[in-house]
Full PDB file with SEQRES, HELIX, SHEET, SSBOND, CRYST1, ORIGX, SCALE, CONECT and MASTER records, all heavy atoms in Angstrom:
SEQRES   1 A   43  MET SER ASN GLU LEU LYS GLN PHE ASN ARG ARG THR LEU          
SEQRES   2 A   43  LEU ALA GLY ALA ALA VAL GLY ALA GLY ALA LEU ALA LEU          
SEQRES   3 A   43  ARG PRO SER ALA ALA PHE ALA VAL GLY GLN THR VAL THR          
SEQRES   4 A   43  LEU ALA ASP ILE                                              
HELIX    1 AA1 ASN A    3  GLN A    7  1                                   5    
HELIX    2 AA2 PHE A    8  THR A   12  3                                   5    
HELIX    3 AA3 LEU A   13  VAL A   19  1                                   7    
CRYST1    1.000    1.000    1.000  90.00  90.00  90.00 P 1           1          
ORIGX1      1.000000  0.000000  0.000000        0.00000                         
ORIGX2      0.000000  1.000000  0.000000        0.00000                         
ORIGX3      0.000000  0.000000  1.000000        0.00000                         
SCALE1      1.000000  0.000000  0.000000        0.00000                         
SCALE2      0.000000  1.000000  0.000000        0.00000                         
SCALE3      0.000000  0.000000  1.000000        0.00000                         
ATOM      1  N   MET A   1      14.478  18.908  -7.640  1.00  0.00           N  
ATOM      2  CA  MET A   1      14.822  18.519  -6.248  1.00  0.00           C  
ATOM      3  C   MET A   1      15.533  17.226  -6.261  1.00  0.00           C  
ATOM      4  O   MET A   1      15.104  16.268  -6.928  1.00  0.00           O  
ATOM      5  CB  MET A   1      13.471  18.479  -5.460  1.00  0.00           C  
ATOM      6  CG  MET A   1      13.798  17.964  -4.072  1.00  0.00           C  
ATOM      7  SD  MET A   1      12.263  17.912  -3.046  1.00  0.00           S  
ATOM      8  CE  MET A   1      11.982  19.652  -2.733  1.00  0.00           C  
ATOM      9  N   SER A   2      16.636  17.096  -5.657  1.00  0.00           N  
ATOM     10  CA  SER A   2      17.379  15.851  -5.647  1.00  0.00           C  
ATOM     11  C   SER A   2      16.722  14.687  -4.901  1.00  0.00           C  
ATOM     12  O   SER A   2      15.828  15.002  -3.973  1.00  0.00           O  
ATOM     13  CB  SER A   2      18.828  16.080  -4.994  1.00  0.00           C  
ATOM     14  OG  SER A   2      18.638  16.341  -3.594  1.00  0.00           O  
ATOM     15  N   ASN A   3      17.127  13.494  -5.075  1.00  0.00           N  
ATOM     16  CA  ASN A   3      16.586  12.403  -4.332  1.00  0.00           C  
ATOM     17  C   ASN A   3      16.829  12.533  -2.797  1.00  0.00           C  
ATOM     18  O   ASN A   3      16.022  12.089  -2.037  1.00  0.00           O  
ATOM     19  CB  ASN A   3      17.151  11.045  -4.863  1.00  0.00           C  
ATOM     20  CG  ASN A   3      16.334  10.425  -5.947  1.00  0.00           C  
ATOM     21  OD1 ASN A   3      15.169  10.876  -6.131  1.00  0.00           O  
ATOM     22  ND2 ASN A   3      16.898   9.399  -6.596  1.00  0.00           N  
ATOM     23  N   GLU A   4      18.006  13.058  -2.495  1.00  0.00           N  
ATOM     24  CA  GLU A   4      18.287  13.251  -1.133  1.00  0.00           C  
ATOM     25  C   GLU A   4      17.332  14.221  -0.441  1.00  0.00           C  
ATOM     26  O   GLU A   4      16.919  13.893   0.636  1.00  0.00           O  
ATOM     27  CB  GLU A   4      19.801  13.873  -1.001  1.00  0.00           C  
ATOM     28  CG  GLU A   4      20.237  13.916   0.461  1.00  0.00           C  
ATOM     29  CD  GLU A   4      21.622  14.522   0.443  1.00  0.00           C  
ATOM     30  OE1 GLU A   4      21.919  15.706   0.403  1.00  0.00           O  
ATOM     31  OE2 GLU A   4      22.552  13.625   0.537  1.00  0.00           O  
ATOM     32  N   LEU A   5      16.883  15.227  -1.021  1.00  0.00           N  
ATOM     33  CA  LEU A   5      15.941  16.168  -0.475  1.00  0.00           C  
ATOM     34  C   LEU A   5      14.535  15.451  -0.443  1.00  0.00           C  
ATOM     35  O   LEU A   5      13.787  15.701   0.529  1.00  0.00           O  
ATOM     36  CB  LEU A   5      15.862  17.452  -1.153  1.00  0.00           C  
ATOM     37  CG  LEU A   5      17.193  18.276  -1.115  1.00  0.00           C  
ATOM     38  CD1 LEU A   5      16.953  19.581  -1.843  1.00  0.00           C  
ATOM     39  CD2 LEU A   5      17.444  18.680   0.296  1.00  0.00           C  
ATOM     40  N   LYS A   6      14.184  14.674  -1.429  1.00  0.00           N  
ATOM     41  CA  LYS A   6      12.948  13.997  -1.423  1.00  0.00           C  
ATOM     42  C   LYS A   6      12.889  13.107  -0.232  1.00  0.00           C  
ATOM     43  O   LYS A   6      11.906  12.913   0.471  1.00  0.00           O  
ATOM     44  CB  LYS A   6      12.713  13.262  -2.772  1.00  0.00           C  
ATOM     45  CG  LYS A   6      12.308  14.206  -3.805  1.00  0.00           C  
ATOM     46  CD  LYS A   6      12.073  13.441  -5.093  1.00  0.00           C  
ATOM     47  CE  LYS A   6      11.837  14.371  -6.309  1.00  0.00           C  
ATOM     48  NZ  LYS A   6      11.758  13.680  -7.501  1.00  0.00           N  
ATOM     49  N   GLN A   7      13.910  12.280   0.076  1.00  0.00           N  
ATOM     50  CA  GLN A   7      14.010  11.404   1.193  1.00  0.00           C  
ATOM     51  C   GLN A   7      13.888  12.128   2.414  1.00  0.00           C  
ATOM     52  O   GLN A   7      13.213  11.696   3.380  1.00  0.00           O  
ATOM     53  CB  GLN A   7      15.374  10.585   1.118  1.00  0.00           C  
ATOM     54  CG  GLN A   7      15.390   9.528   0.069  1.00  0.00           C  
ATOM     55  CD  GLN A   7      16.770   8.967   0.045  1.00  0.00           C  
ATOM     56  OE1 GLN A   7      17.666   9.328   0.659  1.00  0.00           O  
ATOM     57  NE2 GLN A   7      16.855   7.859  -0.696  1.00  0.00           N  
ATOM     58  N   PHE A   8      14.476  13.291   2.507  1.00  0.00           N  
ATOM     59  CA  PHE A   8      14.345  14.146   3.706  1.00  0.00           C  
ATOM     60  C   PHE A   8      12.948  14.470   4.042  1.00  0.00           C  
ATOM     61  O   PHE A   8      12.483  14.303   5.110  1.00  0.00           O  
ATOM     62  CB  PHE A   8      15.178  15.404   3.533  1.00  0.00           C  
ATOM     63  CG  PHE A   8      14.886  16.406   4.603  1.00  0.00           C  
ATOM     64  CD1 PHE A   8      15.501  16.383   5.821  1.00  0.00           C  
ATOM     65  CD2 PHE A   8      14.019  17.477   4.327  1.00  0.00           C  
ATOM     66  CE1 PHE A   8      15.217  17.315   6.742  1.00  0.00           C  
ATOM     67  CE2 PHE A   8      13.662  18.348   5.304  1.00  0.00           C  
ATOM     68  CZ  PHE A   8      14.349  18.270   6.569  1.00  0.00           C  
ATOM     69  N   ASN A   9      12.223  14.913   3.047  1.00  0.00           N  
ATOM     70  CA  ASN A   9      10.773  15.338   3.251  1.00  0.00           C  
ATOM     71  C   ASN A   9       9.962  14.128   3.714  1.00  0.00           C  
ATOM     72  O   ASN A   9       9.168  14.265   4.674  1.00  0.00           O  
ATOM     73  CB  ASN A   9      10.277  16.008   1.985  1.00  0.00           C  
ATOM     74  CG  ASN A   9      10.861  17.367   1.777  1.00  0.00           C  
ATOM     75  OD1 ASN A   9      11.214  18.022   2.720  1.00  0.00           O  
ATOM     76  ND2 ASN A   9      10.882  17.729   0.518  1.00  0.00           N  
ATOM     77  N   ARG A  10      10.073  13.050   3.069  1.00  0.00           N  
ATOM     78  CA  ARG A  10       9.273  11.917   3.335  1.00  0.00           C  
ATOM     79  C   ARG A  10       9.546  11.256   4.658  1.00  0.00           C  
ATOM     80  O   ARG A  10       8.654  10.965   5.477  1.00  0.00           O  
ATOM     81  CB  ARG A  10       9.403  10.883   2.203  1.00  0.00           C  
ATOM     82  CG  ARG A  10       8.557   9.613   2.380  1.00  0.00           C  
ATOM     83  CD  ARG A  10       8.480   8.800   1.192  1.00  0.00           C  
ATOM     84  NE  ARG A  10       9.830   8.547   0.529  1.00  0.00           N  
ATOM     85  CZ  ARG A  10      10.668   7.635   0.869  1.00  0.00           C  
ATOM     86  NH1 ARG A  10      10.319   6.762   1.795  1.00  0.00           N  
ATOM     87  NH2 ARG A  10      11.819   7.484   0.296  1.00  0.00           N  
ATOM     88  N   ARG A  11      10.848  11.010   4.943  1.00  0.00           N  
ATOM     89  CA  ARG A  11      11.293  10.327   6.163  1.00  0.00           C  
ATOM     90  C   ARG A  11      11.346  11.224   7.368  1.00  0.00           C  
ATOM     91  O   ARG A  11      10.853  10.827   8.400  1.00  0.00           O  
ATOM     92  CB  ARG A  11      12.579   9.610   5.858  1.00  0.00           C  
ATOM     93  CG  ARG A  11      12.379   8.533   4.878  1.00  0.00           C  
ATOM     94  CD  ARG A  11      13.735   7.790   4.592  1.00  0.00           C  
ATOM     95  NE  ARG A  11      13.514   6.742   3.673  1.00  0.00           N  
ATOM     96  CZ  ARG A  11      14.445   6.329   2.879  1.00  0.00           C  
ATOM     97  NH1 ARG A  11      15.633   6.761   2.914  1.00  0.00           N  
ATOM     98  NH2 ARG A  11      14.201   5.401   2.062  1.00  0.00           N  
ATOM     99  N   THR A  12      12.008  12.290   7.283  1.00  0.00           N  
ATOM    100  CA  THR A  12      12.332  13.103   8.514  1.00  0.00           C  
ATOM    101  C   THR A  12      11.056  13.905   8.867  1.00  0.00           C  
ATOM    102  O   THR A  12      10.885  14.115  10.040  1.00  0.00           O  
ATOM    103  CB  THR A  12      13.473  14.008   8.402  1.00  0.00           C  
ATOM    104  OG1 THR A  12      13.281  14.914   7.240  1.00  0.00           O  
ATOM    105  CG2 THR A  12      14.753  13.250   8.175  1.00  0.00           C  
ATOM    106  N   LEU A  13      10.149  14.182   7.986  1.00  0.00           N  
ATOM    107  CA  LEU A  13       8.911  14.926   8.332  1.00  0.00           C  
ATOM    108  C   LEU A  13       8.123  14.015   9.151  1.00  0.00           C  
ATOM    109  O   LEU A  13       7.522  14.392  10.219  1.00  0.00           O  
ATOM    110  CB  LEU A  13       8.190  15.323   7.059  1.00  0.00           C  
ATOM    111  CG  LEU A  13       6.867  16.062   7.331  1.00  0.00           C  
ATOM    112  CD1 LEU A  13       7.175  17.364   8.128  1.00  0.00           C  
ATOM    113  CD2 LEU A  13       6.200  16.448   6.057  1.00  0.00           C  
ATOM    114  N   LEU A  14       7.972  12.702   8.822  1.00  0.00           N  
ATOM    115  CA  LEU A  14       7.251  11.810   9.695  1.00  0.00           C  
ATOM    116  C   LEU A  14       7.840  11.692  11.061  1.00  0.00           C  
ATOM    117  O   LEU A  14       7.196  11.749  12.063  1.00  0.00           O  
ATOM    118  CB  LEU A  14       7.231  10.399   9.030  1.00  0.00           C  
ATOM    119  CG  LEU A  14       6.582   9.237   9.850  1.00  0.00           C  
ATOM    120  CD1 LEU A  14       5.148   9.524  10.217  1.00  0.00           C  
ATOM    121  CD2 LEU A  14       6.740   7.883   9.164  1.00  0.00           C  
ATOM    122  N   ALA A  15       9.141  11.536  11.078  1.00  0.00           N  
ATOM    123  CA  ALA A  15       9.801  11.476  12.404  1.00  0.00           C  
ATOM    124  C   ALA A  15       9.628  12.717  13.229  1.00  0.00           C  
ATOM    125  O   ALA A  15       9.303  12.695  14.364  1.00  0.00           O  
ATOM    126  CB  ALA A  15      11.325  11.206  12.195  1.00  0.00           C  
ATOM    127  N   GLY A  16       9.841  13.873  12.539  1.00  0.00           N  
ATOM    128  CA  GLY A  16       9.587  15.109  13.289  1.00  0.00           C  
ATOM    129  C   GLY A  16       8.134  15.337  13.801  1.00  0.00           C  
ATOM    130  O   GLY A  16       7.916  15.808  14.852  1.00  0.00           O  
ATOM    131  N   ALA A  17       7.240  14.967  12.904  1.00  0.00           N  
ATOM    132  CA  ALA A  17       5.797  15.095  13.330  1.00  0.00           C  
ATOM    133  C   ALA A  17       5.472  14.234  14.430  1.00  0.00           C  
ATOM    134  O   ALA A  17       4.685  14.613  15.375  1.00  0.00           O  
ATOM    135  CB  ALA A  17       4.913  14.916  12.104  1.00  0.00           C  
ATOM    136  N   ALA A  18       5.985  12.991  14.453  1.00  0.00           N  
ATOM    137  CA  ALA A  18       5.688  12.012  15.467  1.00  0.00           C  
ATOM    138  C   ALA A  18       6.230  12.450  16.753  1.00  0.00           C  
ATOM    139  O   ALA A  18       5.611  12.254  17.851  1.00  0.00           O  
ATOM    140  CB  ALA A  18       6.174  10.670  15.033  1.00  0.00           C  
ATOM    141  N   VAL A  19       7.348  13.107  16.772  1.00  0.00           N  
ATOM    142  CA  VAL A  19       7.873  13.602  18.052  1.00  0.00           C  
ATOM    143  C   VAL A  19       7.067  14.642  18.600  1.00  0.00           C  
ATOM    144  O   VAL A  19       6.949  14.839  19.826  1.00  0.00           O  
ATOM    145  CB  VAL A  19       9.423  14.010  17.800  1.00  0.00           C  
ATOM    146  CG1 VAL A  19       9.890  14.846  19.008  1.00  0.00           C  
ATOM    147  CG2 VAL A  19      10.318  12.857  17.557  1.00  0.00           C  
ATOM    148  N   GLY A  20       6.457  15.434  17.722  1.00  0.00           N  
ATOM    149  CA  GLY A  20       5.542  16.510  18.234  1.00  0.00           C  
ATOM    150  C   GLY A  20       6.316  17.664  18.719  1.00  0.00           C  
ATOM    151  O   GLY A  20       5.766  18.436  19.604  1.00  0.00           O  
ATOM    152  N   ALA A  21       7.464  17.907  18.381  1.00  0.00           N  
ATOM    153  CA  ALA A  21       8.321  18.991  18.897  1.00  0.00           C  
ATOM    154  C   ALA A  21       8.569  20.086  17.750  1.00  0.00           C  
ATOM    155  O   ALA A  21       8.166  19.761  16.700  1.00  0.00           O  
ATOM    156  CB  ALA A  21       9.673  18.492  19.294  1.00  0.00           C  
ATOM    157  N   GLY A  22       9.225  21.026  18.103  1.00  0.00           N  
ATOM    158  CA  GLY A  22       9.572  22.029  17.156  1.00  0.00           C  
ATOM    159  C   GLY A  22      10.661  21.404  16.301  1.00  0.00           C  
ATOM    160  O   GLY A  22      11.804  21.686  16.499  1.00  0.00           O  
ATOM    161  N   ALA A  23      10.271  20.494  15.387  1.00  0.00           N  
ATOM    162  CA  ALA A  23      11.197  19.605  14.739  1.00  0.00           C  
ATOM    163  C   ALA A  23      11.788  20.227  13.545  1.00  0.00           C  
ATOM    164  O   ALA A  23      11.086  20.532  12.663  1.00  0.00           O  
ATOM    165  CB  ALA A  23      10.463  18.384  14.301  1.00  0.00           C  
ATOM    166  N   LEU A  24      13.041  20.240  13.636  1.00  0.00           N  
ATOM    167  CA  LEU A  24      13.844  20.748  12.543  1.00  0.00           C  
ATOM    168  C   LEU A  24      14.860  19.610  12.174  1.00  0.00           C  
ATOM    169  O   LEU A  24      15.725  19.295  12.983  1.00  0.00           O  
ATOM    170  CB  LEU A  24      14.537  22.026  12.867  1.00  0.00           C  
ATOM    171  CG  LEU A  24      13.637  23.180  13.330  1.00  0.00           C  
ATOM    172  CD1 LEU A  24      14.411  24.279  13.878  1.00  0.00           C  
ATOM    173  CD2 LEU A  24      12.777  23.670  12.092  1.00  0.00           C  
ATOM    174  N   ALA A  25      14.693  19.047  10.990  1.00  0.00           N  
ATOM    175  CA  ALA A  25      15.592  17.987  10.557  1.00  0.00           C  
ATOM    176  C   ALA A  25      16.984  18.546  10.200  1.00  0.00           C  
ATOM    177  O   ALA A  25      17.096  19.557   9.493  1.00  0.00           O  
ATOM    178  CB  ALA A  25      14.980  17.159   9.608  1.00  0.00           C  
ATOM    179  N   LEU A  26      18.041  17.743  10.505  1.00  0.00           N  
ATOM    180  CA  LEU A  26      19.308  18.232  10.317  1.00  0.00           C  
ATOM    181  C   LEU A  26      20.128  17.419   9.173  1.00  0.00           C  
ATOM    182  O   LEU A  26      20.851  17.892   8.416  1.00  0.00           O  
ATOM    183  CB  LEU A  26      20.199  18.172  11.539  1.00  0.00           C  
ATOM    184  CG  LEU A  26      19.963  19.303  12.507  1.00  0.00           C  
ATOM    185  CD1 LEU A  26      20.586  18.981  13.801  1.00  0.00           C  
ATOM    186  CD2 LEU A  26      20.153  20.589  12.042  1.00  0.00           C  
ATOM    187  N   ARG A  27      19.818  16.094   9.069  1.00  0.00           N  
ATOM    188  CA  ARG A  27      20.582  15.236   8.264  1.00  0.00           C  
ATOM    189  C   ARG A  27      19.639  14.703   7.072  1.00  0.00           C  
ATOM    190  O   ARG A  27      19.029  13.710   7.217  1.00  0.00           O  
ATOM    191  CB  ARG A  27      21.180  14.088   8.952  1.00  0.00           C  
ATOM    192  CG  ARG A  27      22.274  14.482   9.867  1.00  0.00           C  
ATOM    193  CD  ARG A  27      23.012  13.298  10.405  1.00  0.00           C  
ATOM    194  NE  ARG A  27      22.248  12.455  11.164  1.00  0.00           N  
ATOM    195  CZ  ARG A  27      22.633  11.267  11.716  1.00  0.00           C  
ATOM    196  NH1 ARG A  27      23.929  10.892  11.486  1.00  0.00           N  
ATOM    197  NH2 ARG A  27      21.937  10.539  12.438  1.00  0.00           N  
ATOM    198  N   PRO A  28      19.650  15.485   5.917  1.00  0.00           N  
ATOM    199  CA  PRO A  28      18.765  15.046   4.849  1.00  0.00           C  
ATOM    200  C   PRO A  28      19.148  13.592   4.297  1.00  0.00           C  
ATOM    201  O   PRO A  28      18.283  12.906   3.758  1.00  0.00           O  
ATOM    202  CB  PRO A  28      19.035  16.019   3.732  1.00  0.00           C  
ATOM    203  CG  PRO A  28      19.800  17.142   4.351  1.00  0.00           C  
ATOM    204  CD  PRO A  28      20.330  16.729   5.714  1.00  0.00           C  
ATOM    205  N   SER A  29      20.407  13.179   4.490  1.00  0.00           N  
ATOM    206  CA  SER A  29      20.781  11.820   4.012  1.00  0.00           C  
ATOM    207  C   SER A  29      20.419  10.744   5.004  1.00  0.00           C  
ATOM    208  O   SER A  29      20.669   9.562   4.683  1.00  0.00           O  
ATOM    209  CB  SER A  29      22.244  11.854   3.661  1.00  0.00           C  
ATOM    210  OG  SER A  29      23.010  12.074   4.774  1.00  0.00           O  
ATOM    211  N   ALA A  30      19.994  11.015   6.142  1.00  0.00           N  
ATOM    212  CA  ALA A  30      19.752  10.029   7.161  1.00  0.00           C  
ATOM    213  C   ALA A  30      18.577   9.140   6.810  1.00  0.00           C  
ATOM    214  O   ALA A  30      17.507   9.659   6.345  1.00  0.00           O  
ATOM    215  CB  ALA A  30      19.501  10.645   8.565  1.00  0.00           C  
ATOM    216  N   ALA A  31      18.734   7.786   6.875  1.00  0.00           N  
ATOM    217  CA  ALA A  31      17.699   6.909   6.583  1.00  0.00           C  
ATOM    218  C   ALA A  31      16.900   6.579   7.842  1.00  0.00           C  
ATOM    219  O   ALA A  31      17.454   6.206   8.790  1.00  0.00           O  
ATOM    220  CB  ALA A  31      18.238   5.657   5.902  1.00  0.00           C  
ATOM    221  N   PHE A  32      15.633   6.743   7.722  1.00  0.00           N  
ATOM    222  CA  PHE A  32      14.729   6.425   8.846  1.00  0.00           C  
ATOM    223  C   PHE A  32      13.940   5.169   8.636  1.00  0.00           C  
ATOM    224  O   PHE A  32      12.752   5.202   8.758  1.00  0.00           O  
ATOM    225  CB  PHE A  32      13.841   7.644   9.225  1.00  0.00           C  
ATOM    226  CG  PHE A  32      14.628   8.836   9.784  1.00  0.00           C  
ATOM    227  CD1 PHE A  32      14.823   9.949   9.053  1.00  0.00           C  
ATOM    228  CD2 PHE A  32      15.032   8.713  11.096  1.00  0.00           C  
ATOM    229  CE1 PHE A  32      15.555  10.975   9.550  1.00  0.00           C  
ATOM    230  CE2 PHE A  32      15.755   9.815  11.575  1.00  0.00           C  
ATOM    231  CZ  PHE A  32      16.011  10.868  10.861  1.00  0.00           C  
ATOM    232  N   ALA A  33      14.522   4.152   8.147  1.00  0.00           N  
ATOM    233  CA  ALA A  33      13.882   2.900   7.999  1.00  0.00           C  
ATOM    234  C   ALA A  33      13.576   2.273   9.452  1.00  0.00           C  
ATOM    235  O   ALA A  33      14.140   2.703  10.456  1.00  0.00           O  
ATOM    236  CB  ALA A  33      14.815   1.948   7.207  1.00  0.00           C  
ATOM    237  N   VAL A  34      12.689   1.433   9.455  1.00  0.00           N  
ATOM    238  CA  VAL A  34      12.235   0.772  10.658  1.00  0.00           C  
ATOM    239  C   VAL A  34      13.469   0.164  11.361  1.00  0.00           C  
ATOM    240  O   VAL A  34      14.300  -0.429  10.726  1.00  0.00           O  
ATOM    241  CB  VAL A  34      11.175  -0.364  10.324  1.00  0.00           C  
ATOM    242  CG1 VAL A  34      10.866  -1.065  11.652  1.00  0.00           C  
ATOM    243  CG2 VAL A  34       9.918   0.346   9.806  1.00  0.00           C  
ATOM    244  N   GLY A  35      13.540   0.169  12.698  1.00  0.00           N  
ATOM    245  CA  GLY A  35      14.589  -0.364  13.436  1.00  0.00           C  
ATOM    246  C   GLY A  35      15.718   0.530  13.668  1.00  0.00           C  
ATOM    247  O   GLY A  35      16.840   0.087  14.284  1.00  0.00           O  
ATOM    248  N   GLN A  36      15.717   1.852  13.312  1.00  0.00           N  
ATOM    249  CA  GLN A  36      16.850   2.681  13.449  1.00  0.00           C  
ATOM    250  C   GLN A  36      16.693   3.441  14.804  1.00  0.00           C  
ATOM    251  O   GLN A  36      15.664   3.404  15.438  1.00  0.00           O  
ATOM    252  CB  GLN A  36      16.802   3.730  12.307  1.00  0.00           C  
ATOM    253  CG  GLN A  36      16.991   3.191  10.923  1.00  0.00           C  
ATOM    254  CD  GLN A  36      18.220   2.496  10.734  1.00  0.00           C  
ATOM    255  OE1 GLN A  36      19.343   3.082  11.011  1.00  0.00           O  
ATOM    256  NE2 GLN A  36      18.186   1.226  10.283  1.00  0.00           N  
ATOM    257  N   THR A  37      17.725   4.222  15.163  1.00  0.00           N  
ATOM    258  CA  THR A  37      17.672   5.065  16.378  1.00  0.00           C  
ATOM    259  C   THR A  37      17.768   6.506  15.796  1.00  0.00           C  
ATOM    260  O   THR A  37      18.684   6.856  15.114  1.00  0.00           O  
ATOM    261  CB  THR A  37      18.754   4.800  17.338  1.00  0.00           C  
ATOM    262  OG1 THR A  37      18.563   3.414  17.831  1.00  0.00           O  
ATOM    263  CG2 THR A  37      18.702   5.706  18.485  1.00  0.00           C  
ATOM    264  N   VAL A  38      16.775   7.352  16.160  1.00  0.00           N  
ATOM    265  CA  VAL A  38      16.774   8.727  15.745  1.00  0.00           C  
ATOM    266  C   VAL A  38      17.316   9.517  16.932  1.00  0.00           C  
ATOM    267  O   VAL A  38      16.900   9.420  17.977  1.00  0.00           O  
ATOM    268  CB  VAL A  38      15.328   9.268  15.494  1.00  0.00           C  
ATOM    269  CG1 VAL A  38      15.321  10.670  15.198  1.00  0.00           C  
ATOM    270  CG2 VAL A  38      14.803   8.355  14.316  1.00  0.00           C  
ATOM    271  N   THR A  39      18.392  10.400  16.646  1.00  0.00           N  
ATOM    272  CA  THR A  39      19.011  11.177  17.695  1.00  0.00           C  
ATOM    273  C   THR A  39      18.271  12.589  17.738  1.00  0.00           C  
ATOM    274  O   THR A  39      18.310  13.274  16.698  1.00  0.00           O  
ATOM    275  CB  THR A  39      20.475  11.414  17.451  1.00  0.00           C  
ATOM    276  OG1 THR A  39      21.071  10.075  17.594  1.00  0.00           O  
ATOM    277  CG2 THR A  39      21.108  12.188  18.551  1.00  0.00           C  
ATOM    278  N   LEU A  40      17.615  12.894  18.853  1.00  0.00           N  
ATOM    279  CA  LEU A  40      16.877  14.077  18.984  1.00  0.00           C  
ATOM    280  C   LEU A  40      17.636  15.066  19.892  1.00  0.00           C  
ATOM    281  O   LEU A  40      17.952  14.737  21.133  1.00  0.00           O  
ATOM    282  CB  LEU A  40      15.540  13.854  19.637  1.00  0.00           C  
ATOM    283  CG  LEU A  40      14.727  15.006  20.085  1.00  0.00           C  
ATOM    284  CD1 LEU A  40      14.273  15.910  18.984  1.00  0.00           C  
ATOM    285  CD2 LEU A  40      13.495  14.550  20.909  1.00  0.00           C  
ATOM    286  N   ALA A  41      18.083  16.193  19.413  1.00  0.00           N  
ATOM    287  CA  ALA A  41      18.640  17.241  20.177  1.00  0.00           C  
ATOM    288  C   ALA A  41      17.567  18.116  20.825  1.00  0.00           C  
ATOM    289  O   ALA A  41      16.721  18.578  20.039  1.00  0.00           O  
ATOM    290  CB  ALA A  41      19.549  18.176  19.331  1.00  0.00           C  
ATOM    291  N   ASP A  42      17.583  18.157  22.071  1.00  0.00           N  
ATOM    292  CA  ASP A  42      16.395  18.879  22.743  1.00  0.00           C  
ATOM    293  C   ASP A  42      16.856  19.858  23.690  1.00  0.00           C  
ATOM    294  O   ASP A  42      17.920  19.723  24.363  1.00  0.00           O  
ATOM    295  CB  ASP A  42      15.653  17.785  23.502  1.00  0.00           C  
ATOM    296  CG  ASP A  42      14.375  18.295  24.157  1.00  0.00           C  
ATOM    297  OD1 ASP A  42      13.535  18.846  23.479  1.00  0.00           O  
ATOM    298  OD2 ASP A  42      14.308  18.195  25.407  1.00  0.00           O  
ATOM    299  N   ILE A  43      16.168  20.939  23.857  1.00  0.00           N  
ATOM    300  CA  ILE A  43      16.427  22.071  24.763  1.00  0.00           C  
ATOM    301  C   ILE A  43      15.979  21.726  26.200  1.00  0.00           C  
ATOM    302  O   ILE A  43      16.207  22.578  26.982  1.00  0.00           O  
ATOM    303  CB  ILE A  43      15.880  23.340  24.284  1.00  0.00           C  
ATOM    304  CG1 ILE A  43      14.423  23.366  24.206  1.00  0.00           C  
ATOM    305  CG2 ILE A  43      16.573  23.844  22.965  1.00  0.00           C  
ATOM    306  CD1 ILE A  43      13.695  24.694  24.021  1.00  0.00           C  
TER     307      ILE A  43                                                      
MASTER        0    0    0    3    0    0    0    6  306    1    0    4          
END                                                                             
């Protein structure tokens, strides 16, 4: 598994779980370090 996919699992899973939505992450390369803005597409 590439580093990019490992970052995806660690970072976006936390973000998706915190949102509590049917969270499906789209950008594996996105960094979710503190102080960022996460763009949530919502129905």
